[in-house]
Amino acid sequence: MPAVPFIDELVRRLRMDGREAEARYGGARSVEIRIRYRDLDHPVTLWTKEPDLEAAVTSLGEGCRDDLWPDHGVGSAGFDLLLVHLDEVVATRDTTEPVRISSVGLEWPRWSRG
């Protein structure tokens, strides 16, 4: 299997808070990650590809690092902001369908959480 360092780092960071995160690696350097949250009765499923995740993390990090985390690297700041966005999605949106991370970041589900 080709190296997927950004996916591996995302899974590691998701597990840091004691969350259960199960990764299923697929073809074309893709992954489906199922995450359990205490507040939800269903797992949240993330789907991404390594090149998209790398582009999103880099873009987010370049855009926020100087203002939010000036002592972090671009990659670290990008992952931090991506996880903040994920927490916002889980708190406010319907996550019964998979959530995708594209090359520009998290694609927010259309429907609010009811």
N, C-alpha and C. Protein backbone atom coordinates (compact mmCIF):
# COMPACT_ATOMS: atom_id res chain seq x y z
N MET A 1 0.85 -1.18 0.00
CA MET A 1 0.00 0.00 0.00
C MET A 1 0.89 1.24 0.00
N PRO A 2 0.59 2.22 -0.87
CA PRO A 2 1.38 3.46 -0.88
C PRO A 2 1.25 4.21 0.45
N ALA A 3 2.25 4.99 0.75
CA ALA A 3 2.25 5.76 2.00
C ALA A 3 1.12 6.78 2.00
N VAL A 4 0.51 6.94 3.17
CA VAL A 4 -0.58 7.92 3.34
C VAL A 4 -0.34 8.69 4.65
N PRO A 5 0.72 9.49 4.71
CA PRO A 5 1.07 10.15 5.98
C PRO A 5 0.03 11.14 6.48
N PHE A 6 -0.68 11.82 5.61
CA PHE A 6 -1.69 12.78 6.07
C PHE A 6 -2.90 12.04 6.64
N ILE A 7 -3.31 10.96 5.99
CA ILE A 7 -4.40 10.15 6.53
C ILE A 7 -4.00 9.55 7.88
N ASP A 8 -2.80 9.01 7.95
CA ASP A 8 -2.34 8.42 9.22
C ASP A 8 -2.33 9.47 10.33
N GLU A 9 -1.91 10.68 10.02
CA GLU A 9 -1.88 11.76 11.02
C GLU A 9 -3.29 12.17 11.43
N LEU A 10 -4.22 12.20 10.48
CA LEU A 10 -5.60 12.53 10.82
C LEU A 10 -6.17 11.49 11.78
N VAL A 11 -5.97 10.22 11.49
CA VAL A 11 -6.47 9.15 12.37
C VAL A 11 -5.83 9.28 13.75
N ARG A 12 -4.53 9.52 13.80
CA ARG A 12 -3.84 9.68 15.09
C ARG A 12 -4.43 10.83 15.89
N ARG A 13 -4.66 11.96 15.24
CA ARG A 13 -5.21 13.12 15.94
C ARG A 13 -6.65 12.88 16.40
N LEU A 14 -7.43 12.18 15.60
CA LEU A 14 -8.80 11.87 16.00
C LEU A 14 -8.81 11.00 17.26
N ARG A 15 -7.86 10.11 17.38
CA ARG A 15 -7.80 9.20 18.53
C ARG A 15 -7.20 9.86 19.77
N MET A 16 -6.56 11.01 19.62
CA MET A 16 -5.89 11.67 20.75
C MET A 16 -6.85 12.03 21.88
N ASP A 17 -8.07 12.40 21.56
CA ASP A 17 -9.04 12.80 22.57
C ASP A 17 -9.80 11.61 23.14
N GLY A 18 -9.30 10.41 22.90
CA GLY A 18 -9.96 9.22 23.39
C GLY A 18 -11.12 8.77 22.53
N ARG A 19 -11.26 9.39 21.37
CA ARG A 19 -12.33 8.98 20.46
C ARG A 19 -11.97 7.66 19.80
N GLU A 20 -12.98 6.88 19.52
CA GLU A 20 -12.81 5.66 18.75
C GLU A 20 -12.81 6.04 17.29
N ALA A 21 -11.76 5.73 16.56
CA ALA A 21 -11.70 6.03 15.13
C ALA A 21 -11.17 4.80 14.40
N GLU A 22 -12.00 4.24 13.54
CA GLU A 22 -11.64 3.04 12.78
C GLU A 22 -11.43 3.43 11.33
N ALA A 23 -10.26 3.14 10.80
CA ALA A 23 -9.92 3.51 9.42
C ALA A 23 -9.98 2.28 8.51
N ARG A 24 -10.66 2.45 7.38
CA ARG A 24 -10.69 1.42 6.34
C ARG A 24 -10.05 2.02 5.10
N TYR A 25 -8.86 1.53 4.79
CA TYR A 25 -8.12 2.04 3.64
C TYR A 25 -8.64 1.40 2.37
N GLY A 26 -8.77 2.21 1.32
CA GLY A 26 -9.26 1.72 0.03
C GLY A 26 -8.27 1.99 -1.07
N GLY A 27 -8.70 1.78 -2.28
CA GLY A 27 -7.86 2.03 -3.43
C GLY A 27 -7.68 3.52 -3.67
N ALA A 28 -6.76 3.85 -4.53
CA ALA A 28 -6.47 5.24 -4.91
C ALA A 28 -6.15 6.10 -3.69
N ARG A 29 -5.48 5.50 -2.69
CA ARG A 29 -5.04 6.21 -1.47
C ARG A 29 -6.22 6.90 -0.77
N SER A 30 -7.33 6.19 -0.69
CA SER A 30 -8.52 6.72 -0.03
C SER A 30 -8.71 6.05 1.32
N VAL A 31 -9.58 6.65 2.13
CA VAL A 31 -9.88 6.09 3.45
C VAL A 31 -11.30 6.47 3.84
N GLU A 32 -11.93 5.56 4.56
CA GLU A 32 -13.20 5.82 5.22
C GLU A 32 -12.92 5.67 6.71
N ILE A 33 -13.18 6.72 7.47
CA ILE A 33 -12.92 6.71 8.91
C ILE A 33 -14.25 6.83 9.63
N ARG A 34 -14.52 5.86 10.50
CA ARG A 34 -15.74 5.89 11.32
C ARG A 34 -15.35 6.32 12.72
N ILE A 35 -15.99 7.39 13.18
CA ILE A 35 -15.65 8.00 14.47
C ILE A 35 -16.86 7.94 15.38
N ARG A 36 -16.65 7.52 16.61
CA ARG A 36 -17.72 7.48 17.61
C ARG A 36 -17.63 8.73 18.48
N TYR A 37 -18.77 9.40 18.64
CA TYR A 37 -18.90 10.55 19.53
C TYR A 37 -19.90 10.19 20.62
N ARG A 38 -19.61 10.61 21.84
CA ARG A 38 -20.49 10.30 22.97
C ARG A 38 -21.90 10.86 22.78
N ASP A 39 -22.02 12.01 22.15
CA ASP A 39 -23.32 12.69 22.02
C ASP A 39 -24.20 12.15 20.90
N LEU A 40 -23.66 11.31 20.04
CA LEU A 40 -24.41 10.85 18.87
C LEU A 40 -24.76 9.37 18.99
N ASP A 41 -25.90 9.01 18.41
CA ASP A 41 -26.32 7.62 18.42
C ASP A 41 -25.84 6.85 17.18
N HIS A 42 -25.03 7.49 16.38
CA HIS A 42 -24.47 6.87 15.18
C HIS A 42 -23.02 7.32 15.01
N PRO A 43 -22.20 6.51 14.35
CA PRO A 43 -20.84 6.97 14.08
C PRO A 43 -20.84 8.00 12.96
N VAL A 44 -19.87 8.89 13.00
CA VAL A 44 -19.66 9.85 11.91
C VAL A 44 -18.66 9.21 10.96
N THR A 45 -18.98 9.22 9.68
CA THR A 45 -18.10 8.64 8.68
C THR A 45 -17.46 9.77 7.87
N LEU A 46 -16.13 9.77 7.86
CA LEU A 46 -15.36 10.72 7.04
C LEU A 46 -14.82 9.96 5.84
N TRP A 47 -14.77 10.61 4.69
CA TRP A 47 -14.18 9.99 3.52
C TRP A 47 -13.26 11.00 2.86
N THR A 48 -12.06 10.54 2.50
CA THR A 48 -11.11 11.42 1.81
C THR A 48 -10.08 10.59 1.07
N LYS A 49 -9.29 11.28 0.27
CA LYS A 49 -8.12 10.70 -0.40
C LYS A 49 -6.89 11.46 0.07
N GLU A 50 -5.77 10.78 0.09
CA GLU A 50 -4.51 11.38 0.57
C GLU A 50 -4.19 12.71 -0.12
N PRO A 51 -4.23 12.80 -1.46
CA PRO A 51 -3.88 14.09 -2.08
C PRO A 51 -4.85 15.22 -1.70
N ASP A 52 -6.14 14.89 -1.57
CA ASP A 52 -7.12 15.91 -1.17
C ASP A 52 -6.87 16.38 0.25
N LEU A 53 -6.63 15.44 1.15
CA LEU A 53 -6.37 15.79 2.55
C LEU A 53 -5.10 16.64 2.66
N GLU A 54 -4.05 16.25 1.95
CA GLU A 54 -2.81 17.04 1.98
C GLU A 54 -3.06 18.47 1.49
N ALA A 55 -3.79 18.62 0.39
CA ALA A 55 -4.09 19.96 -0.15
C ALA A 55 -4.93 20.76 0.83
N ALA A 56 -5.93 20.13 1.45
CA ALA A 56 -6.80 20.84 2.41
C ALA A 56 -6.02 21.29 3.63
N VAL A 57 -5.23 20.40 4.20
CA VAL A 57 -4.45 20.73 5.40
C VAL A 57 -3.48 21.87 5.09
N THR A 58 -2.82 21.80 3.95
CA THR A 58 -1.87 22.85 3.58
C THR A 58 -2.57 24.19 3.37
N SER A 59 -3.67 24.18 2.64
CA SER A 59 -4.41 25.41 2.38
C SER A 59 -4.97 26.02 3.66
N LEU A 60 -5.59 25.20 4.50
CA LEU A 60 -6.13 25.70 5.77
C LEU A 60 -5.01 26.25 6.65
N GLY A 61 -3.90 25.52 6.71
CA GLY A 61 -2.79 25.96 7.55
C GLY A 61 -2.18 27.26 7.09
N GLU A 62 -2.01 27.40 5.77
CA GLU A 62 -1.46 28.65 5.24
C GLU A 62 -2.39 29.83 5.52
N GLY A 63 -3.69 29.56 5.52
CA GLY A 63 -4.66 30.63 5.73
C GLY A 63 -4.86 31.05 7.18
N CYS A 64 -4.52 30.18 8.13
CA CYS A 64 -4.84 30.49 9.53
C CYS A 64 -3.65 30.54 10.47
N ARG A 65 -2.54 29.95 10.07
CA ARG A 65 -1.44 29.78 11.02
C ARG A 65 -0.98 31.09 11.66
N ASP A 66 -0.73 32.11 10.88
CA ASP A 66 -0.18 33.35 11.43
C ASP A 66 -1.12 34.00 12.44
N ASP A 67 -2.43 33.88 12.22
CA ASP A 67 -3.41 34.50 13.12
C ASP A 67 -3.75 33.62 14.32
N LEU A 68 -3.88 32.32 14.12
CA LEU A 68 -4.37 31.44 15.18
C LEU A 68 -3.28 30.68 15.93
N TRP A 69 -2.31 30.15 15.20
CA TRP A 69 -1.26 29.33 15.81
C TRP A 69 0.10 29.73 15.25
N PRO A 70 0.58 30.94 15.54
CA PRO A 70 1.82 31.41 14.92
C PRO A 70 3.06 30.59 15.26
N ASP A 71 3.01 29.84 16.35
CA ASP A 71 4.18 29.04 16.72
C ASP A 71 4.10 27.61 16.20
N HIS A 72 3.09 27.30 15.37
CA HIS A 72 2.94 25.97 14.77
C HIS A 72 3.39 26.00 13.31
N GLY A 73 3.68 24.84 12.78
CA GLY A 73 3.93 24.72 11.36
C GLY A 73 2.62 24.78 10.59
N VAL A 74 2.71 24.95 9.29
CA VAL A 74 1.52 25.04 8.44
C VAL A 74 0.68 23.77 8.56
N GLY A 75 1.31 22.61 8.52
CA GLY A 75 0.58 21.35 8.61
C GLY A 75 -0.15 21.18 9.93
N SER A 76 0.51 21.50 11.01
CA SER A 76 -0.11 21.39 12.33
C SER A 76 -1.31 22.33 12.45
N ALA A 77 -1.15 23.56 12.00
CA ALA A 77 -2.25 24.53 12.04
C ALA A 77 -3.41 24.07 11.16
N GLY A 78 -3.09 23.52 10.00
CA GLY A 78 -4.13 23.03 9.10
C GLY A 78 -4.93 21.88 9.70
N PHE A 79 -4.24 20.94 10.32
CA PHE A 79 -4.95 19.84 11.00
C PHE A 79 -5.79 20.37 12.15
N ASP A 80 -5.24 21.31 12.92
CA ASP A 80 -6.00 21.87 14.05
C ASP A 80 -7.30 22.51 13.57
N LEU A 81 -7.23 23.33 12.52
CA LEU A 81 -8.44 23.99 12.02
C LEU A 81 -9.41 22.98 11.40
N LEU A 82 -8.90 22.00 10.71
CA LEU A 82 -9.77 20.96 10.14
C LEU A 82 -10.55 20.24 11.24
N LEU A 83 -9.90 19.95 12.36
CA LEU A 83 -10.59 19.27 13.46
C LEU A 83 -11.58 20.19 14.16
N VAL A 84 -11.29 21.49 14.21
CA VAL A 84 -12.28 22.45 14.74
C VAL A 84 -13.52 22.44 13.84
N HIS A 85 -13.31 22.45 12.54
CA HIS A 85 -14.44 22.40 11.60
C HIS A 85 -15.23 21.11 11.77
N LEU A 86 -14.54 19.99 11.96
CA LEU A 86 -15.23 18.72 12.15
C LEU A 86 -16.09 18.75 13.42
N ASP A 87 -15.55 19.30 14.50
CA ASP A 87 -16.33 19.42 15.74
C ASP A 87 -17.57 20.29 15.53
N GLU A 88 -17.44 21.36 14.75
CA GLU A 88 -18.59 22.23 14.45
C GLU A 88 -19.64 21.48 13.63
N VAL A 89 -19.19 20.70 12.66
CA VAL A 89 -20.12 19.91 11.84
C VAL A 89 -20.87 18.91 12.72
N VAL A 90 -20.16 18.21 13.57
CA VAL A 90 -20.79 17.21 14.44
C VAL A 90 -21.80 17.87 15.37
N ALA A 91 -21.50 19.05 15.86
CA ALA A 91 -22.38 19.75 16.80
C ALA A 91 -23.61 20.35 16.13
N THR A 92 -23.52 20.68 14.84
CA THR A 92 -24.60 21.47 14.23
C THR A 92 -25.27 20.85 13.01
N ARG A 93 -24.71 19.82 12.44
CA ARG A 93 -25.23 19.30 11.17
C ARG A 93 -25.65 17.84 11.27
N ASP A 94 -26.48 17.43 10.31
CA ASP A 94 -26.89 16.03 10.19
C ASP A 94 -25.70 15.24 9.64
N THR A 95 -25.20 14.32 10.42
CA THR A 95 -24.02 13.55 10.02
C THR A 95 -24.36 12.08 9.78
N THR A 96 -25.61 11.81 9.41
CA THR A 96 -25.97 10.43 9.13
C THR A 96 -25.42 9.97 7.78
N GLU A 97 -25.10 10.89 6.90
CA GLU A 97 -24.43 10.58 5.63
C GLU A 97 -22.93 10.85 5.80
N PRO A 98 -22.09 10.19 5.00
CA PRO A 98 -20.65 10.44 5.11
C PRO A 98 -20.28 11.91 4.88
N VAL A 99 -19.28 12.36 5.61
CA VAL A 99 -18.75 13.72 5.47
C VAL A 99 -17.46 13.61 4.68
N ARG A 100 -17.32 14.43 3.66
CA ARG A 100 -16.15 14.34 2.77
C ARG A 100 -15.17 15.47 3.07
N ILE A 101 -13.90 15.13 2.99
CA ILE A 101 -12.84 16.13 3.02
C ILE A 101 -12.30 16.22 1.59
N SER A 102 -12.52 17.37 0.97
CA SER A 102 -12.03 17.59 -0.40
C SER A 102 -10.71 18.36 -0.33
N SER A 103 -10.21 18.75 -1.46
CA SER A 103 -8.93 19.46 -1.51
C SER A 103 -9.01 20.86 -0.90
N VAL A 104 -10.22 21.37 -0.65
CA VAL A 104 -10.36 22.70 -0.04
C VAL A 104 -10.80 22.62 1.42
N GLY A 105 -11.03 21.43 1.92
CA GLY A 105 -11.41 21.28 3.33
C GLY A 105 -12.65 20.44 3.49
N LEU A 106 -13.25 20.55 4.65
CA LEU A 106 -14.43 19.76 4.98
C LEU A 106 -15.64 20.25 4.19
N GLU A 107 -16.35 19.34 3.57
CA GLU A 107 -17.60 19.69 2.88
C GLU A 107 -18.73 19.56 3.89
N TRP A 108 -19.32 20.67 4.25
CA TRP A 108 -20.35 20.69 5.30
C TRP A 108 -21.63 20.06 4.80
N PRO A 109 -22.21 19.16 5.59
CA PRO A 109 -23.52 18.60 5.22
C PRO A 109 -24.55 19.71 5.08
N ARG A 110 -25.47 19.51 4.19
CA ARG A 110 -26.47 20.53 3.86
C ARG A 110 -27.47 20.77 4.98
N TRP A 111 -27.84 19.74 5.68
CA TRP A 111 -28.93 19.83 6.66
C TRP A 111 -28.42 20.06 8.07
N SER A 112 -29.13 20.91 8.78
CA SER A 112 -28.82 21.14 10.20
C SER A 112 -29.25 19.92 11.00
N ARG A 113 -28.61 19.76 12.12
CA ARG A 113 -28.95 18.65 13.02
C ARG A 113 -30.27 18.97 13.69
N GLY A 114 -31.20 18.01 13.69
CA GLY A 114 -32.53 18.26 14.21
C GLY A 114 -32.72 17.94 15.64
